[in-house]
N, C-alpha and C. Protein backbone atom coordinates (compact mmCIF):
# COMPACT_ATOMS: atom_id res chain seq x y z
N MET A 1 -17.99 -8.34 3.87
CA MET A 1 -16.56 -8.44 4.38
C MET A 1 -15.94 -7.66 2.86
N SER A 2 -14.91 -7.11 2.83
CA SER A 2 -14.04 -6.41 1.34
C SER A 2 -13.67 -7.84 0.52
N VAL A 3 -13.11 -7.35 -0.60
CA VAL A 3 -12.75 -8.32 -1.33
C VAL A 3 -11.38 -7.79 -0.84
N MET A 4 -10.46 -8.74 -0.47
CA MET A 4 -9.11 -8.75 -0.20
C MET A 4 -8.13 -8.33 -1.98
N ARG A 5 -7.39 -7.32 -1.76
CA ARG A 5 -6.87 -6.60 -2.95
C ARG A 5 -5.36 -7.52 -2.75
N PRO A 6 -5.55 -7.60 -4.35
CA PRO A 6 -4.29 -8.97 -4.32
C PRO A 6 -3.05 -7.70 -4.57
N PHE A 7 -2.36 -9.02 -3.60
CA PHE A 7 -0.70 -7.95 -3.19
C PHE A 7 0.58 -7.83 -4.53
N ASP A 8 0.69 -6.79 -3.79
CA ASP A 8 1.12 -5.58 -5.14
C ASP A 8 2.69 -4.96 -3.62
N PRO A 9 3.41 -5.80 -4.36
CA PRO A 9 4.57 -5.39 -3.26
C PRO A 9 5.49 -3.52 -3.37
N HIS A 10 4.58 -2.86 -4.01
CA HIS A 10 5.15 -1.47 -4.67
C HIS A 10 4.21 -0.71 -3.62
N THR A 11 2.87 -1.58 -3.26
CA THR A 11 2.22 -0.86 -2.49
C THR A 11 2.09 -0.75 -0.90
N ALA A 12 3.07 -2.03 -1.06
CA ALA A 12 3.36 -2.84 0.01
C ALA A 12 4.26 -2.09 0.88
N ALA A 13 5.38 -1.33 -0.14
CA ALA A 13 6.86 -0.88 0.07
C ALA A 13 6.49 0.23 1.06
N GLY A 14 5.53 0.71 -0.20
CA GLY A 14 4.93 2.13 0.26
C GLY A 14 4.47 2.48 1.86
N ILE A 15 3.76 1.58 1.73
CA ILE A 15 2.88 1.93 3.02
C ILE A 15 3.87 1.23 4.59
N ALA A 16 4.42 0.64 3.78
CA ALA A 16 6.14 -0.20 5.38
C ALA A 16 6.47 1.70 5.78
N ALA A 17 7.08 2.52 4.25
CA ALA A 17 7.33 3.28 4.18
C ALA A 17 7.08 4.24 5.20
N GLU A 18 5.34 4.46 4.94
CA GLU A 18 4.83 5.67 5.53
C GLU A 18 5.13 5.35 6.72
N ARG A 19 4.49 4.11 7.14
CA ARG A 19 4.64 4.35 8.67
C ARG A 19 5.40 4.52 9.77
N LYS A 20 7.09 4.06 8.91
CA LYS A 20 8.57 4.26 9.29
C LYS A 20 8.62 5.89 10.02
N ARG A 21 7.25 6.18 8.67
CA ARG A 21 7.46 8.16 8.99
C ARG A 21 6.55 8.29 9.49
N GLY A 22 5.83 7.87 10.41
CA GLY A 22 5.13 8.46 11.68
C GLY A 22 3.23 8.58 10.34
N THR A 23 3.49 8.60 9.31
CA THR A 23 1.55 8.36 8.65
C THR A 23 0.82 8.07 9.38
N SER A 24 -0.04 8.70 9.89
CA SER A 24 -1.51 7.69 9.99
C SER A 24 -2.20 7.23 8.52
N TRP A 25 -2.40 5.65 9.63
CA TRP A 25 -3.61 5.11 8.30
C TRP A 25 -4.69 5.54 7.44
N GLU A 26 -5.04 6.53 8.17
CA GLU A 26 -6.14 7.69 7.43
C GLU A 26 -5.36 7.68 6.78
N GLN A 27 -4.42 8.24 6.28
CA GLN A 27 -3.56 9.20 5.72
C GLN A 27 -3.37 7.95 4.20
N ILE A 28 -2.68 7.33 4.95
CA ILE A 28 -2.54 6.09 4.13
C ILE A 28 -4.08 5.50 3.31
N ALA A 29 -4.70 5.32 3.45
CA ALA A 29 -5.47 4.80 2.77
C ALA A 29 -6.51 5.97 1.82
N LYS A 30 -5.91 7.27 2.23
CA LYS A 30 -6.63 8.53 0.77
C LYS A 30 -5.41 7.51 -0.52
N ARG A 31 -4.33 8.06 0.47
CA ARG A 31 -3.07 7.41 -0.79
C ARG A 31 -2.96 6.59 -1.41
N TYR A 32 -3.37 5.35 -1.23
CA TYR A 32 -3.60 5.40 -1.55
C TYR A 32 -4.94 3.80 -1.88
N LEU A 33 -5.88 4.62 -2.03
CA LEU A 33 -7.43 4.39 -2.66
C LEU A 33 -7.51 3.51 -1.97
N PHE A 34 -7.54 2.61 -0.21
CA PHE A 34 -8.84 2.39 0.53
C PHE A 34 -9.53 3.03 1.13
N ARG A 35 -10.68 1.61 0.99
CA ARG A 35 -12.32 2.42 1.29
C ARG A 35 -11.90 3.14 3.07
N SER A 36 -11.16 2.11 3.80
CA SER A 36 -11.11 3.68 5.12
C SER A 36 -9.84 2.57 5.34
N ALA A 37 -9.16 3.31 6.56
CA ALA A 37 -8.18 3.02 7.36
C ALA A 37 -7.80 1.33 7.88
N GLU A 38 -9.48 1.12 8.10
CA GLU A 38 -8.91 -0.12 8.91
C GLU A 38 -8.71 -0.97 7.90
N GLU A 39 -9.26 -1.27 6.39
CA GLU A 39 -9.19 -1.56 5.59
C GLU A 39 -7.37 -2.03 4.90
N ALA A 40 -7.15 -0.27 4.93
CA ALA A 40 -5.29 0.13 3.88
C ALA A 40 -4.71 -1.06 5.75
N ARG A 41 -5.06 -1.22 6.92
CA ARG A 41 -4.55 -1.74 8.13
C ARG A 41 -5.13 -3.44 7.59
N SER A 42 -5.43 -3.79 7.59
CA SER A 42 -5.48 -4.67 7.97
C SER A 42 -5.15 -6.15 6.14
N THR A 43 -4.80 -5.35 5.47
CA THR A 43 -4.86 -5.36 4.75
C THR A 43 -2.73 -5.87 4.28
N TYR A 44 -2.61 -4.51 4.98
CA TYR A 44 -0.74 -4.47 4.92
C TYR A 44 -0.44 -5.44 5.33
N TYR A 45 -1.22 -5.72 7.26
CA TYR A 45 -0.77 -6.64 7.58
C TYR A 45 -1.28 -8.39 7.35
N ARG A 46 -2.13 -8.39 6.38
CA ARG A 46 -2.63 -9.87 6.05
C ARG A 46 -1.21 -10.39 4.86
N TRP A 47 -1.09 -9.26 3.98
CA TRP A 47 -0.39 -9.17 3.05
C TRP A 47 1.37 -9.45 3.61
N ARG A 48 1.63 -8.85 4.58
CA ARG A 48 2.47 -9.34 5.68
C ARG A 48 2.62 -10.95 5.86
N TRP A 49 1.99 -10.64 6.58
CA TRP A 49 1.66 -12.47 7.03
C TRP A 49 1.53 -13.75 6.44
N ALA A 50 1.16 -12.86 5.36
CA ALA A 50 1.31 -14.40 3.73
C ALA A 50 3.07 -14.39 3.68
N SER A 51 3.44 -13.16 3.18
CA SER A 51 4.91 -13.06 2.45
C SER A 51 5.72 -14.01 3.32
N THR A 52 5.38 -13.56 4.48
CA THR A 52 6.43 -14.28 5.91
C THR A 52 6.51 -15.78 5.68
N HIS A 53 5.07 -15.72 5.86
CA HIS A 53 4.85 -17.40 5.23
C HIS A 53 4.48 -18.23 4.28
N ALA A 54 4.63 -17.36 3.64
CA ALA A 54 5.04 -17.79 2.05
C ALA A 54 6.37 -18.40 1.99
N ALA A 55 7.26 -17.57 2.32
CA ALA A 55 8.78 -17.70 2.18
C ALA A 55 9.46 -18.32 2.66
N GLY A 56 8.60 -19.19 3.93
CA GLY A 56 8.50 -20.34 5.01
C GLY A 56 8.76 -21.27 3.83
N ARG A 57 8.00 -22.16 2.72
CA ARG A 57 7.48 -22.59 2.47
C ARG A 57 7.67 -23.32 0.79
N ALA A 58 8.49 -22.13 0.74
CA ALA A 58 9.30 -21.93 -0.53
C ALA A 58 10.11 -23.14 -0.65
């Protein structure tokens, strides 16, 4: 299991913008220095899940 990257709002926003433009997970992984497309995808969705659930608890 890989170590989860700490949340980075700049990277998360960048990935969200890339996905809206239709950029592939493979390209995102290279651009943001993830080891694989799967790692980029899973990290992004984990960050998104954590940020929406943290907002509800605040």
